Amino acid sequence: VGFTGEANGTNCQACASGTYKSVIGSKECTLCQNGTYSGVTGASSAEACIECPANSVSAAGSTSVFDCLCKPGYFLEVDGSSSCEPCPEGTYNGAAGATVRE
């Protein structure tokens, strides 16, 4: 659990960050789902995958909160805030990952 290797039980390695494995055997580690991340090596359950902050998304297998990008229509203030805020009325950002209000 948390490790994978060859079918004969050799070359066991911890699951990489962004993955987990909850069963014993040579099965491959599972990627954390979209919208989550995990910096844990050797994770043994999906509970190691942490949800991205509100209004942000990440690709499957993400390893850091910095992989979580604001959804289109939201932006992240550069003032150190960690939550994505809606674009001001009358504005829109169509790209994921905006970090400034323009």
PDB file of N, CA and C in Angstrom:
ATOM      1  N   VAL A   1       0.859  -1.170   0.000  1.00  0.00           N
ATOM      2  CA  VAL A   1       0.000   0.000   0.000  1.00  0.00           C
ATOM      3  C   VAL A   1       0.901   1.228   0.000  1.00  0.00           C
ATOM      4  N   GLY A   2       0.682   2.132  -0.970  1.00  0.00           N
ATOM      5  CA  GLY A   2       1.534   3.309  -1.089  1.00  0.00           C
ATOM      6  C   GLY A   2       2.803   3.062  -1.877  1.00  0.00           C
ATOM      7  N   PHE A   3       3.018   1.802  -2.272  1.00  0.00           N
ATOM      8  CA  PHE A   3       4.204   1.424  -3.042  1.00  0.00           C
ATOM      9  C   PHE A   3       3.781   0.604  -4.246  1.00  0.00           C
ATOM     10  N   THR A   4       4.602   0.598  -5.283  1.00  0.00           N
ATOM     11  CA  THR A   4       4.361  -0.228  -6.453  1.00  0.00           C
ATOM     12  C   THR A   4       5.688  -0.823  -6.901  1.00  0.00           C
ATOM     13  N   GLY A   5       5.619  -1.881  -7.677  1.00  0.00           N
ATOM     14  CA  GLY A   5       6.832  -2.537  -8.158  1.00  0.00           C
ATOM     15  C   GLY A   5       6.488  -3.576  -9.191  1.00  0.00           C
ATOM     16  N   GLU A   6       7.435  -4.439  -9.464  1.00  0.00           N
ATOM     17  CA  GLU A   6       7.222  -5.491 -10.454  1.00  0.00           C
ATOM     18  C   GLU A   6       6.335  -6.584  -9.871  1.00  0.00           C
ATOM     19  N   ALA A   7       5.734  -7.365 -10.750  1.00  0.00           N
ATOM     20  CA  ALA A   7       4.798  -8.413 -10.336  1.00  0.00           C
ATOM     21  C   ALA A   7       5.439  -9.435  -9.403  1.00  0.00           C
ATOM     22  N   ASN A   8       6.740  -9.638  -9.506  1.00  0.00           N
ATOM     23  CA  ASN A   8       7.404 -10.627  -8.648  1.00  0.00           C
ATOM     24  C   ASN A   8       7.782 -10.057  -7.279  1.00  0.00           C
ATOM     25  N   GLY A   9       7.363  -8.809  -7.013  1.00  0.00           N
ATOM     26  CA  GLY A   9       7.604  -8.207  -5.707  1.00  0.00           C
ATOM     27  C   GLY A   9       8.930  -7.491  -5.574  1.00  0.00           C
ATOM     28  N   THR A  10       9.653  -7.328  -6.669  1.00  0.00           N
ATOM     29  CA  THR A  10      10.940  -6.638  -6.595  1.00  0.00           C
ATOM     30  C   THR A  10      10.793  -5.191  -7.058  1.00  0.00           C
ATOM     31  N   ASN A  11      11.837  -4.428  -6.817  1.00  0.00           N
ATOM     32  CA  ASN A  11      11.900  -3.023  -7.242  1.00  0.00           C
ATOM     33  C   ASN A  11      10.733  -2.186  -6.728  1.00  0.00           C
ATOM     34  N   CYS A  12      10.356  -2.398  -5.483  1.00  0.00           N
ATOM     35  CA  CYS A  12       9.269  -1.596  -4.896  1.00  0.00           C
ATOM     36  C   CYS A  12       9.714  -0.148  -4.759  1.00  0.00           C
ATOM     37  N   GLN A  13       8.822   0.756  -5.137  1.00  0.00           N
ATOM     38  CA  GLN A  13       9.085   2.179  -5.014  1.00  0.00           C
ATOM     39  C   GLN A  13       7.844   2.863  -4.476  1.00  0.00           C
ATOM     40  N   ALA A  14       8.045   3.891  -3.675  1.00  0.00           N
ATOM     41  CA  ALA A  14       6.928   4.668  -3.147  1.00  0.00           C
ATOM     42  C   ALA A  14       6.204   5.366  -4.285  1.00  0.00           C
ATOM     43  N   CYS A  15       4.896   5.467  -4.163  1.00  0.00           N
ATOM     44  CA  CYS A  15       4.132   6.234  -5.138  1.00  0.00           C
ATOM     45  C   CYS A  15       4.615   7.679  -5.098  1.00  0.00           C
ATOM     46  N   ALA A  16       4.742   8.284  -6.252  1.00  0.00           N
ATOM     47  CA  ALA A  16       5.226   9.659  -6.354  1.00  0.00           C
ATOM     48  C   ALA A  16       4.184  10.643  -5.833  1.00  0.00           C
ATOM     49  N   SER A  17       4.613  11.846  -5.522  1.00  0.00           N
ATOM     50  CA  SER A  17       3.680  12.906  -5.164  1.00  0.00           C
ATOM     51  C   SER A  17       2.634  13.037  -6.267  1.00  0.00           C
ATOM     52  N   GLY A  18       1.398  13.327  -5.877  1.00  0.00           N
ATOM     53  CA  GLY A  18       0.315  13.452  -6.849  1.00  0.00           C
ATOM     54  C   GLY A  18      -0.354  12.136  -7.176  1.00  0.00           C
ATOM     55  N   THR A  19       0.098  11.039  -6.507  1.00  0.00           N
ATOM     56  CA  THR A  19      -0.484   9.717  -6.730  1.00  0.00           C
ATOM     57  C   THR A  19      -0.665   9.013  -5.387  1.00  0.00           C
ATOM     58  N   TYR A  20      -1.403   7.900  -5.426  1.00  0.00           N
ATOM     59  CA  TYR A  20      -1.598   7.069  -4.234  1.00  0.00           C
ATOM     60  C   TYR A  20      -1.889   5.641  -4.683  1.00  0.00           C
ATOM     61  N   LYS A  21      -1.792   4.720  -3.754  1.00  0.00           N
ATOM     62  CA  LYS A  21      -2.124   3.326  -4.040  1.00  0.00           C
ATOM     63  C   LYS A  21      -2.667   2.696  -2.769  1.00  0.00           C
ATOM     64  N   SER A  22      -3.911   2.231  -2.847  1.00  0.00           N
ATOM     65  CA  SER A  22      -4.587   1.728  -1.653  1.00  0.00           C
ATOM     66  C   SER A  22      -4.681   0.209  -1.606  1.00  0.00           C
ATOM     67  N   VAL A  23      -4.027  -0.466  -2.543  1.00  0.00           N
ATOM     68  CA  VAL A  23      -4.066  -1.929  -2.555  1.00  0.00           C
ATOM     69  C   VAL A  23      -2.651  -2.488  -2.579  1.00  0.00           C
ATOM     70  N   ILE A  24      -2.490  -3.707  -2.138  1.00  0.00           N
ATOM     71  CA  ILE A  24      -1.200  -4.392  -2.172  1.00  0.00           C
ATOM     72  C   ILE A  24      -1.027  -5.027  -3.541  1.00  0.00           C
ATOM     73  N   GLY A  25       0.174  -5.030  -4.064  1.00  0.00           N
ATOM     74  CA  GLY A  25       0.453  -5.678  -5.339  1.00  0.00           C
ATOM     75  C   GLY A  25       1.203  -4.759  -6.281  1.00  0.00           C
ATOM     76  N   SER A  26       1.338  -5.216  -7.521  1.00  0.00           N
ATOM     77  CA  SER A  26       2.146  -4.495  -8.501  1.00  0.00           C
ATOM     78  C   SER A  26       1.336  -3.487  -9.312  1.00  0.00           C
ATOM     79  N   LYS A  27       0.075  -3.316  -8.991  1.00  0.00           N
ATOM     80  CA  LYS A  27      -0.755  -2.351  -9.701  1.00  0.00           C
ATOM     81  C   LYS A  27      -0.111  -0.966  -9.632  1.00  0.00           C
ATOM     82  N   GLU A  28      -0.292  -0.166 -10.706  1.00  0.00           N
ATOM     83  CA  GLU A  28       0.287   1.178 -10.749  1.00  0.00           C
ATOM     84  C   GLU A  28      -0.391   2.097  -9.741  1.00  0.00           C
ATOM     85  N   CYS A  29       0.316   3.122  -9.345  1.00  0.00           N
ATOM     86  CA  CYS A  29      -0.252   4.141  -8.461  1.00  0.00           C
ATOM     87  C   CYS A  29      -1.308   4.930  -9.242  1.00  0.00           C
ATOM     88  N   THR A  30      -2.312   5.427  -8.547  1.00  0.00           N
ATOM     89  CA  THR A  30      -3.424   6.164  -9.140  1.00  0.00           C
ATOM     90  C   THR A  30      -3.181   7.656  -9.003  1.00  0.00           C
ATOM     91  N   LEU A  31      -3.438   8.407 -10.074  1.00  0.00           N
ATOM     92  CA  LEU A  31      -3.293   9.862 -10.022  1.00  0.00           C
ATOM     93  C   LEU A  31      -4.365  10.472  -9.138  1.00  0.00           C
ATOM     94  N   CYS A  32      -4.011  11.495  -8.376  1.00  0.00           N
ATOM     95  CA  CYS A  32      -5.034  12.286  -7.694  1.00  0.00           C
ATOM     96  C   CYS A  32      -5.939  12.884  -8.773  1.00  0.00           C
ATOM     97  N   GLN A  33      -7.207  13.030  -8.473  1.00  0.00           N
ATOM     98  CA  GLN A  33      -8.182  13.513  -9.451  1.00  0.00           C
ATOM     99  C   GLN A  33      -7.950  14.979  -9.812  1.00  0.00           C
ATOM    100  N   ASN A  34      -8.542  15.392 -10.942  1.00  0.00           N
ATOM    101  CA  ASN A  34      -8.564  16.810 -11.306  1.00  0.00           C
ATOM    102  C   ASN A  34      -9.121  17.593 -10.125  1.00  0.00           C
ATOM    103  N   GLY A  35      -8.592  18.774  -9.893  1.00  0.00           N
ATOM    104  CA  GLY A  35      -9.089  19.619  -8.817  1.00  0.00           C
ATOM    105  C   GLY A  35      -8.516  19.291  -7.455  1.00  0.00           C
ATOM    106  N   THR A  36      -7.503  18.398  -7.415  1.00  0.00           N
ATOM    107  CA  THR A  36      -6.831  18.056  -6.162  1.00  0.00           C
ATOM    108  C   THR A  36      -5.330  18.026  -6.390  1.00  0.00           C
ATOM    109  N   TYR A  37      -4.585  17.945  -5.295  1.00  0.00           N
ATOM    110  CA  TYR A  37      -3.126  17.845  -5.371  1.00  0.00           C
ATOM    111  C   TYR A  37      -2.630  17.103  -4.137  1.00  0.00           C
ATOM    112  N   SER A  38      -1.418  16.579  -4.210  1.00  0.00           N
ATOM    113  CA  SER A  38      -0.809  15.934  -3.053  1.00  0.00           C
ATOM    114  C   SER A  38       0.700  16.005  -3.161  1.00  0.00           C
ATOM    115  N   GLY A  39       1.335  16.509  -2.117  1.00  0.00           N
ATOM    116  CA  GLY A  39       2.789  16.553  -2.061  1.00  0.00           C
ATOM    117  C   GLY A  39       3.372  15.372  -1.311  1.00  0.00           C
ATOM    118  N   VAL A  40       2.513  14.405  -0.966  1.00  0.00           N
ATOM    119  CA  VAL A  40       2.929  13.247  -0.167  1.00  0.00           C
ATOM    120  C   VAL A  40       3.516  12.165  -1.066  1.00  0.00           C
ATOM    121  N   THR A  41       4.649  11.623  -0.677  1.00  0.00           N
ATOM    122  CA  THR A  41       5.236  10.470  -1.356  1.00  0.00           C
ATOM    123  C   THR A  41       4.819   9.219  -0.601  1.00  0.00           C
ATOM    124  N   GLY A  42       4.412   8.174  -1.313  1.00  0.00           N
ATOM    125  CA  GLY A  42       4.009   6.923  -0.671  1.00  0.00           C
ATOM    126  C   GLY A  42       2.606   6.970  -0.089  1.00  0.00           C
ATOM    127  N   ALA A  43       1.738   7.830  -0.643  1.00  0.00           N
ATOM    128  CA  ALA A  43       0.363   7.951  -0.133  1.00  0.00           C
ATOM    129  C   ALA A  43      -0.390   6.649  -0.344  1.00  0.00           C
ATOM    130  N   SER A  44      -1.212   6.281   0.640  1.00  0.00           N
ATOM    131  CA  SER A  44      -1.925   5.003   0.590  1.00  0.00           C
ATOM    132  C   SER A  44      -3.428   5.151   0.381  1.00  0.00           C
ATOM    133  N   SER A  45      -3.933   6.378   0.205  1.00  0.00           N
ATOM    134  CA  SER A  45      -5.360   6.542  -0.075  1.00  0.00           C
ATOM    135  C   SER A  45      -5.609   7.875  -0.764  1.00  0.00           C
ATOM    136  N   ALA A  46      -6.778   8.005  -1.372  1.00  0.00           N
ATOM    137  CA  ALA A  46      -7.160   9.242  -2.044  1.00  0.00           C
ATOM    138  C   ALA A  46      -7.315  10.385  -1.051  1.00  0.00           C
ATOM    139  N   GLU A  47      -7.397  10.066   0.233  1.00  0.00           N
ATOM    140  CA  GLU A  47      -7.510  11.110   1.251  1.00  0.00           C
ATOM    141  C   GLU A  47      -6.255  11.995   1.299  1.00  0.00           C
ATOM    142  N   ALA A  48      -5.165  11.523   0.741  1.00  0.00           N
ATOM    143  CA  ALA A  48      -3.940  12.329   0.679  1.00  0.00           C
ATOM    144  C   ALA A  48      -4.064  13.440  -0.367  1.00  0.00           C
ATOM    145  N   CYS A  49      -5.039  13.319  -1.252  1.00  0.00           N
ATOM    146  CA  CYS A  49      -5.259  14.313  -2.304  1.00  0.00           C
ATOM    147  C   CYS A  49      -6.140  15.427  -1.745  1.00  0.00           C
ATOM    148  N   ILE A  50      -5.601  16.624  -1.689  1.00  0.00           N
ATOM    149  CA  ILE A  50      -6.271  17.773  -1.084  1.00  0.00           C
ATOM    150  C   ILE A  50      -6.985  18.579  -2.161  1.00  0.00           C
ATOM    151  N   GLU A  51      -8.213  19.002  -1.866  1.00  0.00           N
ATOM    152  CA  GLU A  51      -8.966  19.804  -2.828  1.00  0.00           C
ATOM    153  C   GLU A  51      -8.309  21.158  -3.042  1.00  0.00           C
ATOM    154  N   CYS A  52      -8.330  21.615  -4.294  1.00  0.00           N
ATOM    155  CA  CYS A  52      -7.841  22.953  -4.605  1.00  0.00           C
ATOM    156  C   CYS A  52      -8.748  23.980  -3.925  1.00  0.00           C
ATOM    157  N   PRO A  53      -8.219  25.190  -3.697  1.00  0.00           N
ATOM    158  CA  PRO A  53      -9.065  26.247  -3.137  1.00  0.00           C
ATOM    159  C   PRO A  53     -10.279  26.511  -4.030  1.00  0.00           C
ATOM    160  N   ALA A  54     -11.293  27.127  -3.444  1.00  0.00           N
ATOM    161  CA  ALA A  54     -12.531  27.422  -4.183  1.00  0.00           C
ATOM    162  C   ALA A  54     -12.243  28.165  -5.480  1.00  0.00           C
ATOM    163  N   ASN A  55     -12.999  27.826  -6.502  1.00  0.00           N
ATOM    164  CA  ASN A  55     -12.949  28.471  -7.821  1.00  0.00           C
ATOM    165  C   ASN A  55     -11.626  28.272  -8.548  1.00  0.00           C
ATOM    166  N   SER A  56     -10.920  27.176  -8.210  1.00  0.00           N
ATOM    167  CA  SER A  56      -9.692  26.851  -8.923  1.00  0.00           C
ATOM    168  C   SER A  56      -9.693  25.374  -9.293  1.00  0.00           C
ATOM    169  N   VAL A  57      -8.871  25.021 -10.263  1.00  0.00           N
ATOM    170  CA  VAL A  57      -8.788  23.648 -10.757  1.00  0.00           C
ATOM    171  C   VAL A  57      -7.333  23.262 -10.953  1.00  0.00           C
ATOM    172  N   SER A  58      -7.089  21.964 -11.034  1.00  0.00           N
ATOM    173  CA  SER A  58      -5.742  21.458 -11.331  1.00  0.00           C
ATOM    174  C   SER A  58      -5.889  20.216 -12.194  1.00  0.00           C
ATOM    175  N   ALA A  59      -4.812  19.854 -12.851  1.00  0.00           N
ATOM    176  CA  ALA A  59      -4.781  18.634 -13.650  1.00  0.00           C
ATOM    177  C   ALA A  59      -4.630  17.426 -12.727  1.00  0.00           C
ATOM    178  N   ALA A  60      -5.050  16.270 -13.199  1.00  0.00           N
ATOM    179  CA  ALA A  60      -4.854  15.027 -12.444  1.00  0.00           C
ATOM    180  C   ALA A  60      -3.362  14.837 -12.184  1.00  0.00           C
ATOM    181  N   GLY A  61      -3.021  14.397 -10.978  1.00  0.00           N
ATOM    182  CA  GLY A  61      -1.632  14.142 -10.628  1.00  0.00           C
ATOM    183  C   GLY A  61      -0.871  15.365 -10.153  1.00  0.00           C
ATOM    184  N   SER A  62      -1.566  16.448  -9.852  1.00  0.00           N
ATOM    185  CA  SER A  62      -0.897  17.665  -9.390  1.00  0.00           C
ATOM    186  C   SER A  62      -0.241  17.435  -8.033  1.00  0.00           C
ATOM    187  N   THR A  63       0.858  18.137  -7.801  1.00  0.00           N
ATOM    188  CA  THR A  63       1.659  17.893  -6.604  1.00  0.00           C
ATOM    189  C   THR A  63       1.720  19.074  -5.642  1.00  0.00           C
ATOM    190  N   SER A  64       1.120  20.205  -5.988  1.00  0.00           N
ATOM    191  CA  SER A  64       1.223  21.391  -5.148  1.00  0.00           C
ATOM    192  C   SER A  64      -0.011  22.267  -5.307  1.00  0.00           C
ATOM    193  N   VAL A  65      -0.320  23.031  -4.274  1.00  0.00           N
ATOM    194  CA  VAL A  65      -1.419  23.992  -4.354  1.00  0.00           C
ATOM    195  C   VAL A  65      -1.143  25.006  -5.465  1.00  0.00           C
ATOM    196  N   PHE A  66       0.117  25.213  -5.806  1.00  0.00           N
ATOM    197  CA  PHE A  66       0.463  26.146  -6.877  1.00  0.00           C
ATOM    198  C   PHE A  66       0.075  25.610  -8.254  1.00  0.00           C
ATOM    199  N   ASP A  67      -0.290  24.326  -8.335  1.00  0.00           N
ATOM    200  CA  ASP A  67      -0.807  23.756  -9.583  1.00  0.00           C
ATOM    201  C   ASP A  67      -2.283  24.083  -9.764  1.00  0.00           C
ATOM    202  N   CYS A  68      -2.935  24.585  -8.718  1.00  0.00           N
ATOM    203  CA  CYS A  68      -4.352  24.948  -8.770  1.00  0.00           C
ATOM    204  C   CYS A  68      -4.465  26.339  -9.382  1.00  0.00           C
ATOM    205  N   LEU A  69      -5.126  26.426 -10.519  1.00  0.00           N
ATOM    206  CA  LEU A  69      -5.269  27.684 -11.241  1.00  0.00           C
ATOM    207  C   LEU A  69      -6.702  28.171 -11.163  1.00  0.00           C
ATOM    208  N   CYS A  70      -6.870  29.484 -11.084  1.00  0.00           N
ATOM    209  CA  CYS A  70      -8.216  30.056 -11.051  1.00  0.00           C
ATOM    210  C   CYS A  70      -8.979  29.665 -12.314  1.00  0.00           C
ATOM    211  N   LYS A  71     -10.261  29.364 -12.132  1.00  0.00           N
ATOM    212  CA  LYS A  71     -11.126  29.048 -13.265  1.00  0.00           C
ATOM    213  C   LYS A  71     -11.334  30.311 -14.104  1.00  0.00           C
ATOM    214  N   PRO A  72     -11.684  30.137 -15.386  1.00  0.00           N
ATOM    215  CA  PRO A  72     -12.045  31.322 -16.182  1.00  0.00           C
ATOM    216  C   PRO A  72     -13.155  32.101 -15.470  1.00  0.00           C
ATOM    217  N   GLY A  73     -13.051  33.438 -15.494  1.00  0.00           N
ATOM    218  CA  GLY A  73     -14.021  34.284 -14.805  1.00  0.00           C
ATOM    219  C   GLY A  73     -13.593  34.639 -13.396  1.00  0.00           C
ATOM    220  N   TYR A  74     -12.436  34.127 -12.964  1.00  0.00           N
ATOM    221  CA  TYR A  74     -11.903  34.390 -11.625  1.00  0.00           C
ATOM    222  C   TYR A  74     -10.449  34.809 -11.745  1.00  0.00           C
ATOM    223  N   PHE A  75      -9.937  35.453 -10.714  1.00  0.00           N
ATOM    224  CA  PHE A  75      -8.526  35.853 -10.703  1.00  0.00           C
ATOM    225  C   PHE A  75      -7.991  35.751  -9.288  1.00  0.00           C
ATOM    226  N   LEU A  76      -6.678  35.716  -9.169  1.00  0.00           N
ATOM    227  CA  LEU A  76      -5.996  35.637  -7.880  1.00  0.00           C
ATOM    228  C   LEU A  76      -5.248  36.933  -7.660  1.00  0.00           C
ATOM    229  N   GLU A  77      -5.611  37.660  -6.606  1.00  0.00           N
ATOM    230  CA  GLU A  77      -4.897  38.899  -6.281  1.00  0.00           C
ATOM    231  C   GLU A  77      -3.436  38.569  -5.995  1.00  0.00           C
ATOM    232  N   VAL A  78      -2.544  39.441  -6.357  1.00  0.00           N
ATOM    233  CA  VAL A  78      -1.122  39.222  -6.147  1.00  0.00           C
ATOM    234  C   VAL A  78      -0.714  39.573  -4.713  1.00  0.00           C
ATOM    235  N   ASP A  79      -1.663  39.954  -3.881  1.00  0.00           N
ATOM    236  CA  ASP A  79      -1.359  40.384  -2.516  1.00  0.00           C
ATOM    237  C   ASP A  79      -1.129  39.226  -1.555  1.00  0.00           C
ATOM    238  N   GLY A  80      -0.954  38.031  -2.060  1.00  0.00           N
ATOM    239  CA  GLY A  80      -0.711  36.879  -1.203  1.00  0.00           C
ATOM    240  C   GLY A  80      -1.968  36.101  -0.866  1.00  0.00           C
ATOM    241  N   SER A  81      -3.095  36.534  -1.373  1.00  0.00           N
ATOM    242  CA  SER A  81      -4.346  35.816  -1.142  1.00  0.00           C
ATOM    243  C   SER A  81      -4.265  34.434  -1.775  1.00  0.00           C
ATOM    244  N   SER A  82      -4.964  33.474  -1.203  1.00  0.00           N
ATOM    245  CA  SER A  82      -4.932  32.126  -1.765  1.00  0.00           C
ATOM    246  C   SER A  82      -6.270  31.719  -2.350  1.00  0.00           C
ATOM    247  N   SER A  83      -7.224  32.669  -2.448  1.00  0.00           N
ATOM    248  CA  SER A  83      -8.521  32.312  -3.012  1.00  0.00           C
ATOM    249  C   SER A  83      -8.773  33.087  -4.296  1.00  0.00           C
ATOM    250  N   CYS A  84      -9.395  32.422  -5.220  1.00  0.00           N
ATOM    251  CA  CYS A  84      -9.723  33.035  -6.504  1.00  0.00           C
ATOM    252  C   CYS A  84     -11.021  33.829  -6.348  1.00  0.00           C
ATOM    253  N   GLU A  85     -10.977  35.074  -6.776  1.00  0.00           N
ATOM    254  CA  GLU A  85     -12.124  35.979  -6.647  1.00  0.00           C
ATOM    255  C   GLU A  85     -12.783  36.168  -8.004  1.00  0.00           C
ATOM    256  N   PRO A  86     -14.109  36.418  -8.026  1.00  0.00           N
ATOM    257  CA  PRO A  86     -14.778  36.667  -9.306  1.00  0.00           C
ATOM    258  C   PRO A  86     -14.227  37.946  -9.948  1.00  0.00           C
ATOM    259  N   CYS A  87     -14.161  37.966 -11.251  1.00  0.00           N
ATOM    260  CA  CYS A  87     -13.768  39.182 -11.954  1.00  0.00           C
ATOM    261  C   CYS A  87     -14.794  40.269 -11.649  1.00  0.00           C
ATOM    262  N   PRO A  88     -14.347  41.509 -11.559  1.00  0.00           N
ATOM    263  CA  PRO A  88     -15.281  42.606 -11.293  1.00  0.00           C
ATOM    264  C   PRO A  88     -16.360  42.693 -12.375  1.00  0.00           C
ATOM    265  N   GLU A  89     -17.496  43.233 -11.980  1.00  0.00           N
ATOM    266  CA  GLU A  89     -18.613  43.391 -12.916  1.00  0.00           C
ATOM    267  C   GLU A  89     -18.139  44.137 -14.155  1.00  0.00           C
ATOM    268  N   GLY A  90     -18.553  43.646 -15.322  1.00  0.00           N
ATOM    269  CA  GLY A  90     -18.184  44.270 -16.588  1.00  0.00           C
ATOM    270  C   GLY A  90     -16.854  43.794 -17.142  1.00  0.00           C
ATOM    271  N   THR A  91     -16.188  42.862 -16.424  1.00  0.00           N
ATOM    272  CA  THR A  91     -14.921  42.315 -16.919  1.00  0.00           C
ATOM    273  C   THR A  91     -15.030  40.798 -16.956  1.00  0.00           C
ATOM    274  N   TYR A  92     -14.132  40.179 -17.696  1.00  0.00           N
ATOM    275  CA  TYR A  92     -14.111  38.723 -17.765  1.00  0.00           C
ATOM    276  C   TYR A  92     -12.726  38.272 -18.179  1.00  0.00           C
ATOM    277  N   ASN A  93     -12.307  37.184 -17.601  1.00  0.00           N
ATOM    278  CA  ASN A  93     -11.052  36.560 -18.004  1.00  0.00           C
ATOM    279  C   ASN A  93     -11.383  35.171 -18.511  1.00  0.00           C
ATOM    280  N   GLY A  94     -11.114  34.903 -19.764  1.00  0.00           N
ATOM    281  CA  GLY A  94     -11.449  33.619 -20.349  1.00  0.00           C
ATOM    282  C   GLY A  94     -10.403  32.546 -20.178  1.00  0.00           C
ATOM    283  N   ALA A  95      -9.255  32.909 -19.629  1.00  0.00           N
ATOM    284  CA  ALA A  95      -8.165  31.941 -19.475  1.00  0.00           C
ATOM    285  C   ALA A  95      -8.056  31.492 -18.027  1.00  0.00           C
ATOM    286  N   ALA A  96      -7.696  30.240 -17.821  1.00  0.00           N
ATOM    287  CA  ALA A  96      -7.449  29.743 -16.469  1.00  0.00           C
ATOM    288  C   ALA A  96      -6.125  30.280 -15.971  1.00  0.00           C
ATOM    289  N   GLY A  97      -6.040  30.557 -14.669  1.00  0.00           N
ATOM    290  CA  GLY A  97      -4.780  30.936 -14.065  1.00  0.00           C
ATOM    291  C   GLY A  97      -4.499  32.418 -13.974  1.00  0.00           C
ATOM    292  N   ALA A  98      -5.505  33.287 -14.161  1.00  0.00           N
ATOM    293  CA  ALA A  98      -5.269  34.720 -14.080  1.00  0.00           C
ATOM    294  C   ALA A  98      -4.818  35.108 -12.683  1.00  0.00           C
ATOM    295  N   THR A  99      -3.846  36.018 -12.603  1.00  0.00           N
ATOM    296  CA  THR A  99      -3.323  36.416 -11.292  1.00  0.00           C
ATOM    297  C   THR A  99      -3.474  37.897 -11.009  1.00  0.00           C
ATOM    298  N   VAL A 100      -3.936  38.671 -11.950  1.00  0.00           N
ATOM    299  CA  VAL A 100      -4.119  40.111 -11.700  1.00  0.00           C
ATOM    300  C   VAL A 100      -5.436  40.580 -12.291  1.00  0.00           C
ATOM    301  N   ARG A 101      -5.965  41.631 -11.709  1.00  0.00           N
ATOM    302  CA  ARG A 101      -7.186  42.237 -12.227  1.00  0.00           C
ATOM    303  C   ARG A 101      -6.767  43.234 -13.294  1.00  0.00           C
ATOM    304  N   GLU A 102      -7.334  43.112 -14.483  1.00  0.00           N
ATOM    305  CA  GLU A 102      -7.000  44.057 -15.576  1.00  0.00           C
ATOM    306  C   GLU A 102      -8.233  44.766 -16.042  1.00  0.00           C
TER     307      GLU A 102
END
